[in-house]
Amino acid sequence: MLGDIAKAGRYLGQSMRLMMGLPDYDTYVSHREVTHPGEPVMTYEEFFKERQEARYGGAGKRGGCC
């Protein structure tokens, strides 16, 4: 029963992050390990920055002052 609660908590956390548009690093790492074994995996910081740039655009892409 405790395992089911922990599993539900993980799914809830993942769902909340996806709803808010936050990247899921654990899913990324699992995907890389299965699909691209032996290839480098970004650190959390690299992953987060890459996802933010992919979502919002990198520096200079907004065209305004910010």
C-alpha atoms as a PDB file:
ATOM      1  CA  MET A   1       0.000   0.000   0.000  1.00  0.00           C
ATOM      2  CA  LEU A   2       2.793   2.433   0.876  1.00  0.00           C
ATOM      3  CA  GLY A   3       4.417   1.688  -2.491  1.00  0.00           C
ATOM      4  CA  ASP A   4       1.165   2.560  -4.263  1.00  0.00           C
ATOM      5  CA  ILE A   5       1.003   5.879  -2.438  1.00  0.00           C
ATOM      6  CA  ALA A   6       4.606   6.692  -3.371  1.00  0.00           C
ATOM      7  CA  LYS A   7       3.924   5.777  -6.995  1.00  0.00           C
ATOM      8  CA  ALA A   8       0.800   7.958  -7.058  1.00  0.00           C
ATOM      9  CA  GLY A   9       2.829  10.815  -5.569  1.00  0.00           C
ATOM     10  CA  ARG A  10       5.465  10.510  -8.298  1.00  0.00           C
ATOM     11  CA  TYR A  11       2.792  10.524 -11.013  1.00  0.00           C
ATOM     12  CA  LEU A  12       1.087  13.516  -9.426  1.00  0.00           C
ATOM     13  CA  GLY A  13       4.387  15.395  -9.217  1.00  0.00           C
ATOM     14  CA  GLN A  14       5.207  14.598 -12.827  1.00  0.00           C
ATOM     15  CA  SER A  15       1.738  15.683 -13.942  1.00  0.00           C
ATOM     16  CA  MET A  16       2.021  18.972 -12.076  1.00  0.00           C
ATOM     17  CA  ARG A  17       5.439  19.701 -13.603  1.00  0.00           C
ATOM     18  CA  LEU A  18       4.100  18.962 -17.095  1.00  0.00           C
ATOM     19  CA  MET A  19       1.066  21.199 -16.540  1.00  0.00           C
ATOM     20  CA  MET A  20       3.354  24.045 -15.498  1.00  0.00           C
ATOM     21  CA  GLY A  21       5.705  23.383 -18.386  1.00  0.00           C
ATOM     22  CA  LEU A  22       8.645  22.260 -16.264  1.00  0.00           C
ATOM     23  CA  PRO A  23      10.915  19.662 -17.827  1.00  0.00           C
ATOM     24  CA  ASP A  24      11.159  16.169 -16.329  1.00  0.00           C
ATOM     25  CA  TYR A  25      14.851  15.370 -15.959  1.00  0.00           C
ATOM     26  CA  ASP A  26      14.327  11.792 -14.725  1.00  0.00           C
ATOM     27  CA  THR A  27      12.307  10.940 -17.846  1.00  0.00           C
ATOM     28  CA  TYR A  28      15.041  12.461 -20.011  1.00  0.00           C
ATOM     29  CA  VAL A  29      17.769  10.419 -18.281  1.00  0.00           C
ATOM     30  CA  SER A  30      15.754   7.203 -18.587  1.00  0.00           C
ATOM     31  CA  HIS A  31      15.146   7.875 -22.276  1.00  0.00           C
ATOM     32  CA  ARG A  32      18.848   8.527 -22.921  1.00  0.00           C
ATOM     33  CA  GLU A  33      19.908   5.363 -21.095  1.00  0.00           C
ATOM     34  CA  VAL A  34      17.491   3.185 -23.070  1.00  0.00           C
ATOM     35  CA  THR A  35      17.595   4.857 -26.478  1.00  0.00           C
ATOM     36  CA  HIS A  36      21.151   6.219 -26.598  1.00  0.00           C
ATOM     37  CA  PRO A  37      23.283   4.016 -24.303  1.00  0.00           C
ATOM     38  CA  GLY A  38      26.881   5.113 -23.874  1.00  0.00           C
ATOM     39  CA  GLU A  39      26.204   8.652 -25.089  1.00  0.00           C
ATOM     40  CA  PRO A  40      26.630  11.664 -22.789  1.00  0.00           C
ATOM     41  CA  VAL A  41      23.723  12.812 -20.628  1.00  0.00           C
ATOM     42  CA  MET A  42      23.261  16.499 -19.818  1.00  0.00           C
ATOM     43  CA  THR A  43      23.480  17.589 -16.203  1.00  0.00           C
ATOM     44  CA  TYR A  44      20.244  18.829 -14.644  1.00  0.00           C
ATOM     45  CA  GLU A  45      21.409  22.419 -15.094  1.00  0.00           C
ATOM     46  CA  GLU A  46      22.255  21.871 -18.788  1.00  0.00           C
ATOM     47  CA  PHE A  47      18.949  20.083 -19.343  1.00  0.00           C
ATOM     48  CA  PHE A  48      16.912  22.802 -17.631  1.00  0.00           C
ATOM     49  CA  LYS A  49      18.643  25.575 -19.603  1.00  0.00           C
ATOM     50  CA  GLU A  50      18.187  23.714 -22.904  1.00  0.00           C
ATOM     51  CA  ARG A  51      14.468  23.142 -22.208  1.00  0.00           C
ATOM     52  CA  GLN A  52      13.942  26.783 -21.234  1.00  0.00           C
ATOM     53  CA  GLU A  53      15.665  27.977 -24.416  1.00  0.00           C
ATOM     54  CA  ALA A  54      13.630  25.535 -26.507  1.00  0.00           C
ATOM     55  CA  ARG A  55      10.409  26.766 -24.939  1.00  0.00           C
ATOM     56  CA  TYR A  56      11.039  30.501 -24.701  1.00  0.00           C
ATOM     57  CA  GLY A  57      13.851  31.055 -27.197  1.00  0.00           C
ATOM     58  CA  GLY A  58      17.462  31.882 -26.489  1.00  0.00           C
ATOM     59  CA  ALA A  59      18.983  35.299 -25.909  1.00  0.00           C
ATOM     60  CA  GLY A  60      18.158  37.800 -28.615  1.00  0.00           C
ATOM     61  CA  LYS A  61      15.126  35.949 -29.973  1.00  0.00           C
ATOM     62  CA  ARG A  62      12.528  38.152 -28.316  1.00  0.00           C
ATOM     63  CA  GLY A  63      13.438  41.263 -30.232  1.00  0.00           C
ATOM     64  CA  GLY A  64      12.617  43.592 -27.339  1.00  0.00           C
ATOM     65  CA  CYS A  65      14.606  45.004 -24.478  1.00  0.00           C
ATOM     66  CA  CYS A  66      14.163  41.912 -22.281  1.00  0.00           C
END
